[in-house]
């Protein structure tokens, strides 16, 4: 006698199909939950990672003058807002820093957008070193404002010197901001030949003025930095 295989009733068949569907849904649910945790876990883990000495750090930043006005920024919104307020902030790209490191030279020329072209803006050794020190302990996506003020960088311009730079001495007032090109070695000095390869842009604010001369301050107060990426040593 040949044994016949038992036929499954429609109810049993539907019950097993339902069980497999439920198992599949559970597996999918667990996998989805795992992927969600993993996707949130990477930023969460990076939030615990902080900048240490020698670490390479990529930052977005805005440099502010002594009146709190932006001078150079990586933010399009900051640049546009500054322009609406009647001032100029030059647009630049993210800056690479090294946690706690000394600057490698007295000046770092960072590229800035100038009309249809590019120029180089001078960030000085004390400013770079203050930013290198300031990122210590910061986490990715953290924003912090640090002091970059060092010794005052002051220049005095008489009427003749001012006119040679293409500026109208009579119209200038205390509080006005001017941009000039500078040669920078151990100390910044005014440079009036824009075609020279070693000239850098720098903004200054008129702090004093009389009928014969004006005093311009070229140092800055603070840098606001946001850490984009940390590369551990």
N, C-alpha and C. Protein backbone atom coordinates (compact mmCIF):
# COMPACT_ATOMS: atom_id res chain seq x y z
N UNK A 1 0.86 -1.19 0.00
CA UNK A 1 0.00 0.00 0.00
C UNK A 1 0.89 1.24 0.00
N UNK A 2 0.58 2.13 -0.90
CA UNK A 2 1.35 3.37 -0.98
C UNK A 2 0.68 4.44 -0.14
N UNK A 3 1.48 5.01 0.78
CA UNK A 3 0.91 6.05 1.64
C UNK A 3 0.73 7.33 0.86
N UNK A 4 -0.40 7.89 0.97
CA UNK A 4 -0.69 9.15 0.30
C UNK A 4 -0.34 10.32 1.22
N UNK A 5 0.26 11.33 0.60
CA UNK A 5 0.60 12.51 1.40
C UNK A 5 -0.67 13.23 1.81
N UNK A 6 -0.65 13.65 3.05
CA UNK A 6 -1.83 14.34 3.57
C UNK A 6 -1.98 15.70 2.92
N UNK A 7 -3.15 16.02 2.51
CA UNK A 7 -3.40 17.32 1.91
C UNK A 7 -3.64 18.36 2.99
N UNK A 8 -3.00 19.54 2.78
CA UNK A 8 -3.22 20.62 3.73
C UNK A 8 -4.52 21.32 3.41
N UNK A 9 -5.21 21.58 4.45
CA UNK A 9 -6.48 22.30 4.27
C UNK A 9 -6.18 23.75 3.91
N UNK A 10 -7.06 24.45 3.26
CA UNK A 10 -6.86 25.88 2.94
C UNK A 10 -6.55 26.72 4.16
N UNK A 11 -7.14 26.35 5.31
CA UNK A 11 -6.88 27.11 6.53
C UNK A 11 -5.44 26.96 6.97
N UNK A 12 -4.90 25.67 6.90
CA UNK A 12 -3.51 25.44 7.30
C UNK A 12 -2.56 26.19 6.37
N UNK A 13 -2.86 26.16 5.07
CA UNK A 13 -2.00 26.84 4.09
C UNK A 13 -1.94 28.34 4.35
N UNK A 14 -3.08 28.95 4.58
CA UNK A 14 -3.13 30.39 4.85
C UNK A 14 -2.43 30.73 6.15
N UNK A 15 -2.56 29.80 7.14
CA UNK A 15 -1.91 30.03 8.43
C UNK A 15 -0.41 30.06 8.29
N UNK A 16 0.16 29.12 7.50
CA UNK A 16 1.61 29.07 7.31
C UNK A 16 2.09 30.28 6.52
N UNK A 17 1.31 30.66 5.48
CA UNK A 17 1.69 31.84 4.70
C UNK A 17 1.72 33.08 5.59
N UNK A 18 0.74 33.15 6.51
CA UNK A 18 0.66 34.28 7.41
C UNK A 18 1.86 34.30 8.35
N UNK A 19 2.27 33.10 8.81
CA UNK A 19 3.43 33.01 9.70
C UNK A 19 4.69 33.50 9.01
N UNK A 20 4.89 33.05 7.75
CA UNK A 20 6.07 33.50 7.01
C UNK A 20 6.04 35.01 6.78
N UNK A 21 4.85 35.52 6.51
CA UNK A 21 4.71 36.98 6.33
C UNK A 21 5.07 37.71 7.61
N UNK A 22 4.61 37.18 8.74
CA UNK A 22 4.91 37.80 10.02
C UNK A 22 6.40 37.76 10.32
N UNK A 23 7.03 36.57 10.01
CA UNK A 23 8.48 36.45 10.22
C UNK A 23 9.23 37.46 9.36
N UNK A 24 8.77 37.57 8.08
CA UNK A 24 9.42 38.53 7.19
C UNK A 24 9.29 39.95 7.68
N UNK A 25 8.12 40.29 8.21
CA UNK A 25 7.91 41.63 8.73
C UNK A 25 8.77 41.90 9.95
N UNK A 26 8.92 40.88 10.81
CA UNK A 26 9.76 41.03 11.99
C UNK A 26 11.21 41.25 11.59
N UNK A 27 11.70 40.42 10.63
CA UNK A 27 13.09 40.56 10.16
C UNK A 27 13.31 41.93 9.56
N UNK A 28 12.35 42.38 8.71
CA UNK A 28 12.47 43.70 8.09
C UNK A 28 12.48 44.79 9.16
N UNK A 29 11.61 44.61 10.17
CA UNK A 29 11.54 45.60 11.24
C UNK A 29 12.83 45.69 12.02
N UNK A 30 13.44 44.54 12.32
CA UNK A 30 14.71 44.51 13.04
C UNK A 30 15.81 45.14 12.21
N UNK A 31 15.85 44.79 10.89
CA UNK A 31 16.87 45.33 10.00
C UNK A 31 16.72 46.84 9.87
N UNK A 32 15.46 47.30 9.72
CA UNK A 32 15.21 48.74 9.60
C UNK A 32 15.66 49.47 10.86
N UNK A 33 15.33 48.88 12.01
CA UNK A 33 15.74 49.49 13.28
C UNK A 33 17.25 49.55 13.40
N UNK A 34 17.93 48.49 12.95
CA UNK A 34 19.40 48.46 13.01
C UNK A 34 20.00 49.55 12.13
N UNK A 35 19.44 49.68 10.90
CA UNK A 35 19.96 50.70 9.99
C UNK A 35 19.72 52.10 10.53
N UNK A 36 18.56 52.30 11.17
CA UNK A 36 18.28 53.60 11.76
C UNK A 36 19.26 53.93 12.87
N UNK A 37 19.53 52.95 13.72
CA UNK A 37 20.49 53.16 14.81
C UNK A 37 21.87 53.43 14.25
N UNK A 38 22.24 52.68 13.20
CA UNK A 38 23.57 52.86 12.60
C UNK A 38 23.71 54.24 11.99
N UNK A 39 22.64 54.69 11.29
CA UNK A 39 22.72 55.99 10.63
C UNK A 39 22.79 57.13 11.63
N UNK A 40 22.10 56.98 12.75
CA UNK A 40 22.18 58.00 13.78
C UNK A 40 23.41 57.81 14.65
N UNK A 41 23.94 56.62 14.66
CA UNK A 41 25.08 56.34 15.52
C UNK A 41 26.36 56.98 15.06
N UNK A 42 26.53 57.10 13.71
CA UNK A 42 27.76 57.69 13.19
C UNK A 42 27.89 59.15 13.60
N UNK A 43 26.84 60.00 13.37
CA UNK A 43 26.94 61.37 13.87
C UNK A 43 27.06 61.43 15.38
N UNK A 44 26.35 60.51 16.06
CA UNK A 44 26.40 60.54 17.52
C UNK A 44 27.81 60.25 18.02
N UNK A 45 28.46 59.28 17.37
CA UNK A 45 29.83 58.95 17.77
C UNK A 45 30.77 60.11 17.47
N UNK A 46 30.59 60.76 16.29
CA UNK A 46 31.47 61.87 15.94
C UNK A 46 31.29 63.04 16.90
N UNK A 47 30.09 63.13 17.50
CA UNK A 47 29.84 64.22 18.45
C UNK A 47 30.68 64.05 19.71
N UNK A 48 31.07 62.81 20.02
CA UNK A 48 31.89 62.56 21.21
C UNK A 48 33.38 62.74 20.91
N UNK A 49 33.74 62.75 19.61
CA UNK A 49 35.14 62.89 19.23
C UNK A 49 35.52 64.37 19.28
N UNK A 50 36.56 64.70 19.98
CA UNK A 50 36.95 66.10 20.12
C UNK A 50 38.35 66.32 19.57
N UNK A 51 38.66 67.57 19.29
CA UNK A 51 39.95 67.95 18.72
C UNK A 51 41.03 67.89 19.80
N UNK A 52 42.11 67.21 19.49
CA UNK A 52 43.26 67.16 20.38
C UNK A 52 44.47 67.80 19.73
N UNK A 53 45.55 67.99 20.46
CA UNK A 53 46.77 68.57 19.89
C UNK A 53 47.26 67.77 18.69
N UNK A 54 47.55 68.46 17.61
CA UNK A 54 48.07 67.82 16.41
C UNK A 54 47.02 67.32 15.45
N UNK A 55 45.75 67.29 15.86
CA UNK A 55 44.68 66.83 14.96
C UNK A 55 44.46 67.84 13.84
N UNK A 56 44.15 67.33 12.65
CA UNK A 56 43.79 68.19 11.53
C UNK A 56 42.30 68.50 11.60
N UNK A 57 41.97 69.76 11.42
CA UNK A 57 40.58 70.20 11.59
C UNK A 57 40.18 71.08 10.41
N UNK A 58 39.02 70.80 9.84
CA UNK A 58 38.47 71.64 8.78
C UNK A 58 37.32 72.46 9.38
N UNK A 59 37.40 73.78 9.24
CA UNK A 59 36.39 74.65 9.86
C UNK A 59 35.79 75.62 8.85
N UNK A 60 34.53 75.94 9.07
CA UNK A 60 33.94 77.14 8.48
C UNK A 60 34.13 78.25 9.50
N UNK A 61 34.29 79.49 9.04
CA UNK A 61 34.62 80.55 10.00
C UNK A 61 34.23 81.92 9.49
N UNK A 62 34.12 82.84 10.44
CA UNK A 62 33.91 84.25 10.16
C UNK A 62 34.84 85.05 11.05
N UNK A 63 35.65 85.92 10.46
CA UNK A 63 36.53 86.81 11.23
C UNK A 63 35.80 88.13 11.44
N UNK A 64 35.83 88.61 12.68
CA UNK A 64 35.11 89.84 13.05
C UNK A 64 36.10 90.92 13.47
N UNK A 65 35.82 92.16 13.06
CA UNK A 65 36.70 93.26 13.45
C UNK A 65 36.36 93.73 14.86
N UNK A 66 37.00 94.81 15.29
CA UNK A 66 36.82 95.29 16.66
C UNK A 66 35.42 95.86 16.93
N UNK A 67 34.66 96.12 15.87
CA UNK A 67 33.28 96.57 16.02
C UNK A 67 32.29 95.42 15.88
N UNK A 68 32.80 94.19 15.76
CA UNK A 68 31.93 93.03 15.61
C UNK A 68 31.41 92.82 14.20
N UNK A 69 31.97 93.53 13.23
CA UNK A 69 31.52 93.39 11.84
C UNK A 69 32.33 92.30 11.13
N UNK A 70 31.66 91.44 10.36
CA UNK A 70 32.39 90.41 9.62
C UNK A 70 33.35 91.01 8.61
N UNK A 71 34.52 90.40 8.51
CA UNK A 71 35.55 90.84 7.57
C UNK A 71 35.70 89.82 6.45
N UNK A 72 35.79 88.56 6.84
CA UNK A 72 35.93 87.46 5.89
C UNK A 72 35.10 86.30 6.44
N UNK A 73 34.38 85.58 5.55
CA UNK A 73 33.46 84.56 6.02
C UNK A 73 33.29 83.45 4.99
N UNK A 74 32.95 82.26 5.48
CA UNK A 74 32.60 81.15 4.59
C UNK A 74 31.09 81.09 4.36
N UNK A 75 30.34 81.96 5.01
CA UNK A 75 28.88 81.93 4.93
C UNK A 75 28.34 82.94 3.93
N UNK A 76 27.62 82.44 2.93
CA UNK A 76 26.99 83.32 1.95
C UNK A 76 25.97 84.24 2.63
N UNK A 77 25.24 83.70 3.61
CA UNK A 77 24.23 84.50 4.32
C UNK A 77 24.87 85.64 5.10
N UNK A 78 26.00 85.36 5.78
CA UNK A 78 26.70 86.40 6.53
C UNK A 78 27.20 87.49 5.59
N UNK A 79 27.74 87.08 4.44
CA UNK A 79 28.24 88.04 3.47
C UNK A 79 27.11 88.95 2.98
N UNK A 80 25.98 88.34 2.61
CA UNK A 80 24.85 89.12 2.09
C UNK A 80 24.27 90.05 3.16
N UNK A 81 24.16 89.57 4.39
CA UNK A 81 23.64 90.41 5.48
C UNK A 81 24.56 91.60 5.73
N UNK A 82 25.88 91.36 5.69
CA UNK A 82 26.85 92.43 5.90
C UNK A 82 26.74 93.48 4.81
N UNK A 83 26.56 93.04 3.57
CA UNK A 83 26.43 93.97 2.45
C UNK A 83 25.16 94.81 2.58
N UNK A 84 24.08 94.20 3.05
CA UNK A 84 22.83 94.95 3.24
C UNK A 84 22.98 96.04 4.30
N UNK A 85 23.91 95.81 5.23
CA UNK A 85 24.15 96.79 6.30
C UNK A 85 25.16 97.85 5.88
N UNK A 86 25.60 97.80 4.61
CA UNK A 86 26.49 98.82 4.09
C UNK A 86 27.97 98.55 4.25
N UNK A 87 28.33 97.33 4.65
CA UNK A 87 29.74 96.96 4.79
C UNK A 87 30.08 95.82 3.83
N UNK A 88 31.33 95.43 3.82
CA UNK A 88 31.78 94.36 2.94
C UNK A 88 32.40 93.24 3.76
N UNK A 89 31.99 92.01 3.47
CA UNK A 89 32.64 90.82 4.02
C UNK A 89 33.02 89.94 2.84
N UNK A 90 34.28 89.58 2.76
CA UNK A 90 34.76 88.78 1.64
C UNK A 90 34.42 87.31 1.86
N UNK A 91 34.02 86.64 0.77
CA UNK A 91 33.64 85.23 0.84
C UNK A 91 34.85 84.34 0.58
N UNK A 92 35.03 83.35 1.45
CA UNK A 92 36.16 82.43 1.32
C UNK A 92 35.68 81.00 1.51
N UNK A 93 36.60 80.04 1.48
CA UNK A 93 36.25 78.64 1.69
C UNK A 93 36.69 78.16 3.06
N UNK A 94 36.34 76.91 3.42
CA UNK A 94 36.75 76.35 4.71
C UNK A 94 38.26 76.38 4.89
N UNK A 95 38.69 76.47 6.14
CA UNK A 95 40.10 76.61 6.49
C UNK A 95 40.58 75.37 7.22
N UNK A 96 41.78 74.91 6.87
CA UNK A 96 42.39 73.77 7.56
C UNK A 96 43.25 74.28 8.71
N UNK A 97 42.99 73.77 9.90
CA UNK A 97 43.75 74.14 11.10
C UNK A 97 44.39 72.89 11.69
N UNK A 98 45.34 73.10 12.59
CA UNK A 98 45.96 72.00 13.32
C UNK A 98 45.88 72.31 14.80
N UNK A 99 45.25 71.42 15.55
CA UNK A 99 45.00 71.67 16.96
C UNK A 99 46.25 72.02 17.74
N UNK A 100 46.28 73.24 18.32
CA UNK A 100 47.38 73.66 19.18
C UNK A 100 48.70 73.94 18.51
N UNK A 101 48.72 73.98 17.18
CA UNK A 101 50.00 74.11 16.46
C UNK A 101 50.41 75.56 16.29
N UNK A 102 51.73 75.77 16.11
CA UNK A 102 52.25 77.08 15.74
C UNK A 102 52.04 77.28 14.24
N UNK A 103 51.88 78.53 13.83
CA UNK A 103 51.76 78.84 12.41
C UNK A 103 53.09 78.60 11.72
N UNK A 104 53.03 78.17 10.47
CA UNK A 104 54.26 77.87 9.72
C UNK A 104 54.88 79.10 9.10
N UNK A 105 54.14 80.20 9.02
CA UNK A 105 54.68 81.45 8.47
C UNK A 105 53.95 82.62 9.10
N UNK A 106 54.47 83.83 8.90
CA UNK A 106 53.85 85.00 9.53
C UNK A 106 52.49 85.31 8.92
N UNK A 107 52.30 84.97 7.65
CA UNK A 107 51.03 85.26 6.99
C UNK A 107 50.56 84.04 6.23
N UNK A 108 49.25 83.80 6.28
CA UNK A 108 48.62 82.79 5.43
C UNK A 108 47.63 83.49 4.53
N UNK A 109 47.90 83.42 3.23
CA UNK A 109 47.00 84.05 2.26
C UNK A 109 45.86 83.11 1.92
N UNK A 110 44.65 83.44 2.36
CA UNK A 110 43.49 82.59 2.08
C UNK A 110 42.74 83.18 0.88
N UNK A 111 42.29 82.33 -0.04
CA UNK A 111 41.62 82.83 -1.25
C UNK A 111 40.26 83.43 -0.93
N UNK A 112 39.95 84.55 -1.56
CA UNK A 112 38.65 85.21 -1.39
C UNK A 112 38.11 85.58 -2.76
N UNK A 113 36.78 85.62 -2.87
CA UNK A 113 36.13 86.01 -4.11
C UNK A 113 36.15 87.52 -4.26
N UNK A 114 36.62 87.98 -5.42
CA UNK A 114 36.67 89.42 -5.70
C UNK A 114 36.04 89.67 -7.06
N UNK A 115 34.77 90.06 -7.06
CA UNK A 115 34.10 90.28 -8.32
C UNK A 115 34.08 89.00 -9.14
N UNK A 116 34.70 89.07 -10.33
CA UNK A 116 34.75 87.88 -11.16
C UNK A 116 36.00 87.06 -10.96
N UNK A 117 36.87 87.48 -10.05
CA UNK A 117 38.13 86.77 -9.86
C UNK A 117 38.38 86.39 -8.42
N UNK A 118 39.66 86.21 -8.12
CA UNK A 118 40.06 85.83 -6.76
C UNK A 118 41.23 86.68 -6.31
N UNK A 119 41.32 86.88 -5.01
CA UNK A 119 42.46 87.52 -4.40
C UNK A 119 42.88 86.72 -3.19
N UNK A 120 43.85 87.22 -2.46
CA UNK A 120 44.28 86.54 -1.24
C UNK A 120 44.20 87.50 -0.06
N UNK A 121 43.55 87.03 0.97
CA UNK A 121 43.37 87.82 2.18
C UNK A 121 44.38 87.34 3.22
N UNK A 122 44.97 88.29 3.94
CA UNK A 122 46.03 87.95 4.90
C UNK A 122 45.46 87.61 6.27
N UNK A 123 45.65 86.36 6.69
CA UNK A 123 45.47 85.98 8.09
C UNK A 123 46.85 85.89 8.70
N UNK A 124 47.07 86.58 9.80
CA UNK A 124 48.41 86.68 10.37
C UNK A 124 48.69 85.58 11.39
N UNK A 125 49.97 85.38 11.66
CA UNK A 125 50.42 84.31 12.56
C UNK A 125 49.67 84.28 13.89
N UNK A 126 49.54 85.40 14.62
CA UNK A 126 48.83 85.34 15.90
C UNK A 126 47.37 84.92 15.74
N UNK A 127 46.75 85.30 14.62
CA UNK A 127 45.35 84.94 14.39
C UNK A 127 45.20 83.45 14.11
N UNK A 128 46.07 82.91 13.26
CA UNK A 128 46.04 81.47 12.96
C UNK A 128 46.30 80.66 14.22
N UNK A 129 47.29 81.08 15.00
CA UNK A 129 47.63 80.33 16.22
C UNK A 129 46.51 80.39 17.25
N UNK A 130 45.82 81.53 17.33
CA UNK A 130 44.67 81.63 18.24
C UNK A 130 43.55 80.70 17.80
N UNK A 131 43.37 80.55 16.50
CA UNK A 131 42.35 79.63 15.99
C UNK A 131 42.78 78.18 16.19
N UNK A 132 44.07 77.89 15.99
CA UNK A 132 44.58 76.54 16.26
C UNK A 132 44.36 76.15 17.72
N UNK A 133 44.62 77.10 18.61
CA UNK A 133 44.40 76.83 20.04
C UNK A 133 42.91 76.74 20.37
N UNK A 134 42.12 77.55 19.69
CA UNK A 134 40.69 77.62 19.98
C UNK A 134 39.91 76.36 19.64
N UNK A 135 40.39 75.60 18.64
CA UNK A 135 39.64 74.39 18.25
C UNK A 135 39.88 73.22 19.20
N UNK A 136 40.90 73.31 20.06
CA UNK A 136 41.16 72.22 21.01
C UNK A 136 39.91 71.96 21.86
N UNK A 137 39.50 70.70 21.90
CA UNK A 137 38.34 70.32 22.70
C UNK A 137 37.01 70.44 21.98
N UNK A 138 36.99 71.04 20.78
CA UNK A 138 35.74 71.18 20.04
C UNK A 138 35.33 69.85 19.39
N UNK A 139 34.03 69.70 19.14
CA UNK A 139 33.50 68.52 18.48
C UNK A 139 33.01 68.89 17.08
N UNK A 140 32.81 67.88 16.24
CA UNK A 140 32.28 68.13 14.91
C UNK A 140 30.89 68.76 15.00
N UNK A 141 30.67 69.78 14.16
CA UNK A 141 29.44 70.58 14.09
C UNK A 141 29.28 71.55 15.25
N UNK A 142 30.26 71.61 16.14
CA UNK A 142 30.21 72.58 17.24
C UNK A 142 30.69 73.95 16.75
N UNK A 143 30.06 75.00 17.24
CA UNK A 143 30.43 76.37 16.89
C UNK A 143 30.96 77.08 18.13
N UNK A 144 32.02 77.85 17.92
CA UNK A 144 32.66 78.53 19.05
C UNK A 144 33.27 79.83 18.55
N UNK A 145 33.25 80.85 19.41
CA UNK A 145 33.88 82.13 19.08
C UNK A 145 35.11 82.31 19.96
N UNK A 146 36.25 82.61 19.32
CA UNK A 146 37.50 82.76 20.06
C UNK A 146 38.12 84.12 19.78
N UNK A 147 38.86 84.63 20.74
CA UNK A 147 39.57 85.89 20.57
C UNK A 147 40.82 85.67 19.73
N UNK A 148 41.02 86.51 18.73
CA UNK A 148 42.24 86.44 17.91
C UNK A 148 43.01 87.76 18.00
N UNK A 149 42.61 88.59 18.94
CA UNK A 149 43.25 89.90 19.09
C UNK A 149 44.66 89.76 19.63
N UNK A 150 45.60 90.43 18.99
CA UNK A 150 47.00 90.44 19.44
C UNK A 150 47.40 91.91 19.61
N UNK A 151 48.63 92.24 19.32
CA UNK A 151 49.07 93.63 19.38
C UNK A 151 48.36 94.45 18.30
N UNK A 152 48.03 95.70 18.58
CA UNK A 152 47.38 96.53 17.57
C UNK A 152 48.23 96.67 16.31
N UNK A 153 47.58 96.61 15.16
CA UNK A 153 48.26 96.84 13.88
C UNK A 153 47.73 98.17 13.36
N UNK A 154 48.49 99.22 13.59
CA UNK A 154 48.03 100.58 13.32
C UNK A 154 48.91 101.22 12.25
N UNK A 155 48.27 101.88 11.30
CA UNK A 155 48.98 102.63 10.26
C UNK A 155 48.44 104.06 10.22
N UNK A 156 49.33 105.02 9.96
CA UNK A 156 48.93 106.41 9.82
C UNK A 156 49.10 106.83 8.36
N UNK A 157 48.08 107.47 7.81
CA UNK A 157 48.10 107.90 6.42
C UNK A 157 47.90 109.41 6.36
N UNK A 158 48.78 110.09 5.64
CA UNK A 158 48.54 111.51 5.41
C UNK A 158 47.68 111.65 4.16
N UNK A 159 47.33 112.87 3.83
CA UNK A 159 46.42 113.10 2.69
C UNK A 159 47.01 112.58 1.38
N UNK A 160 48.30 112.84 1.16
CA UNK A 160 48.94 112.43 -0.09
C UNK A 160 48.96 110.91 -0.23
N UNK A 161 49.32 110.25 0.84
CA UNK A 161 49.39 108.78 0.82
C UNK A 161 48.01 108.16 0.59
N UNK A 162 47.00 108.79 1.19
CA UNK A 162 45.63 108.30 1.02
C UNK A 162 45.17 108.44 -0.42
N UNK A 163 45.46 109.59 -1.02
CA UNK A 163 45.04 109.82 -2.40
C UNK A 163 45.74 108.86 -3.36
N UNK A 164 47.00 108.52 -3.08
CA UNK A 164 47.75 107.58 -3.93
C UNK A 164 47.11 106.19 -3.94
N UNK A 165 46.40 105.87 -2.88
CA UNK A 165 45.73 104.57 -2.81
C UNK A 165 44.35 104.61 -3.47
N UNK A 166 44.02 105.76 -4.07
CA UNK A 166 42.74 105.88 -4.75
C UNK A 166 41.58 106.20 -3.83
N UNK A 167 41.87 106.69 -2.63
CA UNK A 167 40.84 107.02 -1.65
C UNK A 167 40.69 108.53 -1.55
N UNK A 168 39.48 108.97 -1.27
CA UNK A 168 39.21 110.39 -1.10
C UNK A 168 39.34 110.74 0.38
N UNK A 169 40.43 111.40 0.75
CA UNK A 169 40.71 111.70 2.15
C UNK A 169 39.60 112.53 2.78
N UNK A 170 39.08 113.49 2.04
CA UNK A 170 38.07 114.41 2.58
C UNK A 170 36.79 113.68 2.97
N UNK A 171 36.39 112.70 2.17
CA UNK A 171 35.13 112.00 2.40
C UNK A 171 35.21 110.94 3.51
N UNK A 172 36.40 110.47 3.80
CA UNK A 172 36.55 109.41 4.80
C UNK A 172 36.27 109.94 6.20
N UNK A 173 35.65 109.09 7.03
CA UNK A 173 35.30 109.47 8.40
C UNK A 173 35.72 108.38 9.38
N UNK A 174 35.81 108.77 10.65
CA UNK A 174 36.11 107.79 11.70
C UNK A 174 35.02 106.71 11.70
N UNK A 175 35.44 105.46 11.74
CA UNK A 175 34.51 104.33 11.70
C UNK A 175 34.39 103.71 10.33
N UNK A 176 34.82 104.45 9.28
CA UNK A 176 34.80 103.87 7.94
C UNK A 176 35.82 102.75 7.84
N UNK A 177 35.51 101.79 6.99
CA UNK A 177 36.43 100.68 6.78
C UNK A 177 37.00 100.76 5.37
N UNK A 178 38.30 100.59 5.26
CA UNK A 178 38.95 100.64 3.96
C UNK A 178 39.70 99.33 3.73
N UNK A 179 39.89 98.99 2.46
CA UNK A 179 40.68 97.81 2.12
C UNK A 179 41.92 98.25 1.36
N UNK A 180 43.04 97.66 1.70
CA UNK A 180 44.29 97.97 1.01
C UNK A 180 45.03 96.67 0.75
N UNK A 181 46.03 96.75 -0.12
CA UNK A 181 46.92 95.63 -0.34
C UNK A 181 48.18 95.88 0.47
N UNK A 182 48.72 94.82 1.07
CA UNK A 182 49.87 94.96 1.95
C UNK A 182 50.93 93.93 1.60
N UNK A 183 52.19 94.33 1.70
CA UNK A 183 53.26 93.34 1.74
C UNK A 183 53.44 92.98 3.20
N UNK A 184 53.60 91.71 3.47
CA UNK A 184 53.71 91.29 4.86
C UNK A 184 54.92 90.38 5.02
N UNK A 185 55.86 90.85 5.82
CA UNK A 185 57.02 90.02 6.16
C UNK A 185 56.93 89.74 7.65
N UNK A 186 57.82 90.31 8.45
CA UNK A 186 57.69 90.17 9.89
C UNK A 186 56.67 91.15 10.46
N UNK A 187 56.48 92.26 9.77
CA UNK A 187 55.48 93.24 10.18
C UNK A 187 54.76 93.73 8.93
N UNK A 188 53.44 93.98 9.02
CA UNK A 188 52.70 94.45 7.86
C UNK A 188 53.06 95.89 7.51
N UNK A 189 53.20 96.16 6.22
CA UNK A 189 53.44 97.53 5.76
C UNK A 189 52.53 97.80 4.57
N UNK A 190 52.15 99.03 4.40
CA UNK A 190 51.26 99.38 3.31
C UNK A 190 51.93 99.13 1.98
N UNK A 191 51.18 98.56 1.05
CA UNK A 191 51.71 98.28 -0.28
C UNK A 191 50.72 98.81 -1.29
N UNK A 192 51.17 99.63 -2.23
CA UNK A 192 50.24 100.31 -3.12
C UNK A 192 50.28 99.82 -4.56
N UNK A 193 50.98 98.70 -4.83
CA UNK A 193 51.05 98.16 -6.18
C UNK A 193 50.27 96.85 -6.23
N UNK A 194 49.00 96.88 -6.64
CA UNK A 194 48.17 95.67 -6.63
C UNK A 194 48.68 94.56 -7.54
N UNK A 195 49.54 94.91 -8.51
CA UNK A 195 50.01 93.90 -9.46
C UNK A 195 51.12 93.04 -8.87
N UNK A 196 51.68 93.45 -7.74
CA UNK A 196 52.79 92.69 -7.16
C UNK A 196 52.31 91.36 -6.60
N UNK A 197 53.11 90.29 -6.81
CA UNK A 197 52.71 88.94 -6.41
C UNK A 197 52.60 88.75 -4.91
N UNK A 198 53.29 89.57 -4.12
CA UNK A 198 53.34 89.30 -2.69
C UNK A 198 52.37 90.17 -1.89
N UNK A 199 51.42 90.78 -2.57
CA UNK A 199 50.47 91.64 -1.86
C UNK A 199 49.26 90.83 -1.40
N UNK A 200 48.74 91.22 -0.24
CA UNK A 200 47.58 90.57 0.35
C UNK A 200 46.55 91.63 0.73
N UNK A 201 45.29 91.24 0.71
CA UNK A 201 44.22 92.15 1.13
C UNK A 201 44.10 92.16 2.65
N UNK A 202 43.75 93.32 3.15
CA UNK A 202 43.49 93.47 4.59
C UNK A 202 42.53 94.64 4.77
N UNK A 203 41.52 94.49 5.60
CA UNK A 203 40.60 95.58 5.92
C UNK A 203 41.06 96.31 7.17
N UNK A 204 40.91 97.62 7.15
CA UNK A 204 41.23 98.43 8.33
C UNK A 204 40.10 99.40 8.63
N UNK A 205 39.98 99.78 9.89
CA UNK A 205 38.94 100.72 10.32
C UNK A 205 39.59 102.02 10.80
N UNK A 206 39.09 103.14 10.30
CA UNK A 206 39.64 104.44 10.69
C UNK A 206 39.26 104.73 12.14
N UNK A 207 40.27 104.88 12.98
CA UNK A 207 40.01 105.12 14.41
C UNK A 207 40.19 106.58 14.80
N UNK A 208 41.03 107.32 14.06
CA UNK A 208 41.24 108.75 14.33
C UNK A 208 41.45 109.48 13.00
N UNK A 209 41.07 110.76 12.97
CA UNK A 209 41.27 111.55 11.75
C UNK A 209 41.26 113.03 12.09
N UNK A 210 42.22 113.75 11.46
CA UNK A 210 42.22 115.21 11.54
C UNK A 210 42.38 115.75 10.12
N UNK A 211 42.67 117.01 9.99
CA UNK A 211 42.75 117.61 8.66
C UNK A 211 43.97 117.15 7.86
N UNK A 212 44.95 116.58 8.53
CA UNK A 212 46.20 116.23 7.85
C UNK A 212 46.45 114.73 7.71
N UNK A 213 45.88 113.93 8.61
CA UNK A 213 46.17 112.49 8.57
C UNK A 213 45.04 111.69 9.22
N UNK A 214 45.11 110.39 9.04
CA UNK A 214 44.15 109.50 9.69
C UNK A 214 44.88 108.25 10.18
N UNK A 215 44.36 107.66 11.25
CA UNK A 215 44.92 106.44 11.82
C UNK A 215 43.97 105.29 11.53
N UNK A 216 44.53 104.20 11.01
CA UNK A 216 43.72 103.04 10.62
C UNK A 216 44.18 101.81 11.38
N UNK A 217 43.23 101.10 11.97
CA UNK A 217 43.51 99.89 12.75
C UNK A 217 43.22 98.66 11.89
N UNK A 218 44.24 97.81 11.72
CA UNK A 218 44.11 96.63 10.86
C UNK A 218 44.06 95.32 11.64
N UNK A 219 43.91 95.38 12.95
CA UNK A 219 43.80 94.12 13.70
C UNK A 219 42.34 93.75 13.90
N UNK A 220 42.09 92.47 14.18
CA UNK A 220 40.73 91.95 14.32
C UNK A 220 40.52 91.35 15.70
N UNK A 221 39.25 91.20 16.08
CA UNK A 221 38.92 90.84 17.46
C UNK A 221 38.67 89.35 17.66
N UNK A 222 37.81 88.77 16.82
CA UNK A 222 37.36 87.40 17.08
C UNK A 222 37.20 86.61 15.79
N UNK A 223 37.16 85.29 15.96
CA UNK A 223 36.82 84.38 14.87
C UNK A 223 35.76 83.42 15.38
N UNK A 224 34.68 83.30 14.63
CA UNK A 224 33.64 82.31 14.96
C UNK A 224 33.86 81.10 14.07
N UNK A 225 34.06 79.93 14.68
CA UNK A 225 34.42 78.72 13.94
C UNK A 225 33.40 77.62 14.16
N UNK A 226 33.11 76.88 13.10
CA UNK A 226 32.29 75.66 13.18
C UNK A 226 33.11 74.50 12.63
N UNK A 227 33.30 73.47 13.43
CA UNK A 227 34.12 72.33 13.01
C UNK A 227 33.32 71.46 12.05
N UNK A 228 33.87 71.25 10.86
CA UNK A 228 33.25 70.38 9.86
C UNK A 228 33.77 68.95 9.95
N UNK A 229 35.07 68.83 10.17
CA UNK A 229 35.69 67.50 10.13
C UNK A 229 36.93 67.47 11.01
N UNK A 230 37.10 66.35 11.70
CA UNK A 230 38.29 66.14 12.54
C UNK A 230 39.02 64.91 12.02
N UNK A 231 40.32 65.05 11.78
CA UNK A 231 41.16 63.92 11.41
C UNK A 231 42.16 63.70 12.52
N UNK A 232 42.00 62.60 13.24
CA UNK A 232 42.85 62.33 14.40
C UNK A 232 44.25 61.93 13.95
N UNK A 233 45.25 62.31 14.75
CA UNK A 233 46.63 61.92 14.46
C UNK A 233 46.87 60.51 14.96
